[in-house]
Amino acid sequence: MFGVAPFEVATKARSESALWLAEAVATFGLILTMFGALRWRAEMVPTMVGLYIAAAYWFTASTSFANPAVTIARALTAHSPASRRRQCAFIAAQTSGALVGLVLSVWLFGQPVTRGEQT
């Protein structure tokens, strides 16, 4: 459709530790955004996630993959961590950011309110 090959070999190395830190921060923020929206305005979760990812693309050095599935998908493009070790580092950073975000979210927001429950 765009006149390019469907799969490419990665040519841009993304191996600096600053990028891994950026991934941890981006994923941390994404988790906080999701749980905060879920706690206070559950119907806004999709909008808030979209807005956060758009903003995180601009304010993180890694352009905010913020999702292991995206990291794996990007491994097939020219803008990916080129080696498995680098991909694993991105996924480890995302996982650590998600875990810290989850712990802080539960502490800040408590358990999410489910349908039918009142606060």
Protein backbone atom coordinates (compact mmCIF):
# COMPACT_ATOMS: atom_id res chain seq x y z
CA MET A 1 0.00 0.00 0.00
CA PHE A 2 2.85 2.43 0.79
CA GLY A 3 5.36 0.96 -1.62
CA VAL A 4 7.67 -0.44 1.06
CA ALA A 5 8.51 -3.96 2.09
CA PRO A 6 6.18 -5.40 4.76
CA PHE A 7 9.18 -6.44 6.88
CA GLU A 8 12.48 -4.60 7.25
CA VAL A 9 15.74 -5.26 9.00
CA ALA A 10 16.29 -2.84 11.87
CA THR A 11 18.98 -0.27 11.06
CA LYS A 12 18.68 2.15 13.96
CA ALA A 13 20.21 0.89 17.21
CA ARG A 14 18.21 1.73 20.31
CA SER A 15 20.50 0.45 23.00
CA GLU A 16 21.24 3.38 25.29
CA SER A 17 20.23 3.03 28.93
CA ALA A 18 18.48 6.42 28.71
CA LEU A 19 16.00 4.87 26.28
CA TRP A 20 15.33 2.03 28.67
CA LEU A 21 14.71 4.51 31.48
CA ALA A 22 12.39 6.44 29.16
CA GLU A 23 10.45 3.22 28.51
CA ALA A 24 10.10 2.55 32.23
CA VAL A 25 8.85 6.12 32.80
CA ALA A 26 6.46 5.95 29.84
CA THR A 27 4.96 2.65 30.98
CA PHE A 28 4.76 3.88 34.59
CA GLY A 29 2.80 6.93 33.43
CA LEU A 30 0.54 4.85 31.23
CA ILE A 31 -0.39 2.58 34.14
CA LEU A 32 -1.08 5.59 36.39
CA THR A 33 -3.21 7.15 33.67
CA MET A 34 -5.24 3.98 33.14
CA PHE A 35 -5.85 3.31 36.83
CA GLY A 36 -6.60 6.95 37.59
CA ALA A 37 -9.15 7.12 34.79
CA LEU A 38 -10.58 3.74 35.77
CA ARG A 39 -11.01 4.91 39.36
CA TRP A 40 -12.66 8.24 38.65
CA ARG A 41 -14.12 8.13 35.11
CA ALA A 42 -14.02 4.60 33.70
CA GLU A 43 -15.71 5.64 30.46
CA MET A 44 -12.75 7.94 29.76
CA VAL A 45 -10.06 5.21 29.86
CA PRO A 46 -9.78 4.84 26.04
CA THR A 47 -9.57 8.60 25.54
CA MET A 48 -7.05 9.08 28.34
CA VAL A 49 -4.85 6.24 27.09
CA GLY A 50 -4.86 7.68 23.57
CA LEU A 51 -4.00 11.15 24.82
CA TYR A 52 -1.27 9.83 27.10
CA ILE A 53 0.38 7.77 24.34
CA ALA A 54 0.27 10.74 21.97
CA ALA A 55 1.90 12.96 24.61
CA ALA A 56 4.42 10.29 25.68
CA TYR A 57 5.52 9.92 22.07
CA TRP A 58 6.72 13.52 22.23
CA PHE A 59 8.14 13.70 25.77
CA THR A 60 10.09 10.43 26.02
CA ALA A 61 13.42 9.71 24.37
CA SER A 62 12.23 6.26 23.30
CA THR A 63 9.04 7.55 21.60
CA SER A 64 7.09 5.54 24.16
CA PHE A 65 6.65 1.99 22.98
CA ALA A 66 5.18 1.46 26.52
CA ASN A 67 3.94 -2.00 25.60
CA PRO A 68 5.84 -5.26 25.04
CA ALA A 69 3.55 -6.13 22.12
CA VAL A 70 4.56 -2.88 20.40
CA THR A 71 8.22 -3.63 21.08
CA ILE A 72 7.88 -7.04 19.44
CA ALA A 73 5.94 -5.59 16.48
CA ARG A 74 8.52 -2.84 16.00
CA ALA A 75 11.24 -5.48 15.84
CA LEU A 76 10.10 -5.97 12.25
CA THR A 77 10.70 -2.32 11.29
CA ALA A 78 13.68 -0.04 10.80
CA HIS A 79 12.93 1.76 14.10
CA SER A 80 13.38 -1.02 16.60
CA PRO A 81 15.82 -2.38 19.11
CA ALA A 82 17.87 -4.43 16.65
CA SER A 83 18.89 -7.38 18.80
CA ARG A 84 17.02 -9.73 21.09
CA ARG A 85 19.07 -8.41 24.01
CA ARG A 86 17.92 -4.89 23.29
CA GLN A 87 14.32 -6.02 22.87
CA CYS A 88 14.56 -7.85 26.20
CA ALA A 89 15.94 -4.70 27.83
CA PHE A 90 13.00 -2.67 26.51
CA ILE A 91 10.53 -5.31 27.72
CA ALA A 92 12.26 -5.45 31.13
CA ALA A 93 12.06 -1.66 31.41
CA GLN A 94 8.38 -1.71 30.45
CA THR A 95 7.66 -4.48 32.95
CA SER A 96 9.46 -2.69 35.78
CA GLY A 97 7.69 0.60 34.97
CA ALA A 98 4.35 -1.22 34.90
CA LEU A 99 4.96 -2.91 38.25
CA VAL A 100 5.97 0.32 39.96
CA GLY A 101 2.99 2.07 38.35
CA LEU A 102 0.65 -0.68 39.53
CA VAL A 103 1.90 -0.52 43.13
CA LEU A 104 1.64 3.28 43.19
CA SER A 105 -1.79 3.20 41.53
CA VAL A 106 -3.20 0.83 44.14
CA TRP A 107 -1.72 3.00 46.89
CA LEU A 108 -3.04 6.26 45.38
CA PHE A 109 -6.38 5.16 43.98
CA GLY A 110 -7.26 2.04 45.96
CA GLN A 111 -9.08 -0.79 44.27
CA PRO A 112 -11.02 0.19 41.14
CA VAL A 113 -14.76 0.56 41.58
CA THR A 114 -16.63 -2.05 39.54
CA ARG A 115 -20.08 -1.67 38.08
CA GLY A 116 -22.80 -1.79 40.69
CA GLU A 117 -20.51 -0.74 43.58
CA GLN A 118 -20.76 2.61 45.29
CA THR A 119 -17.94 4.50 46.94
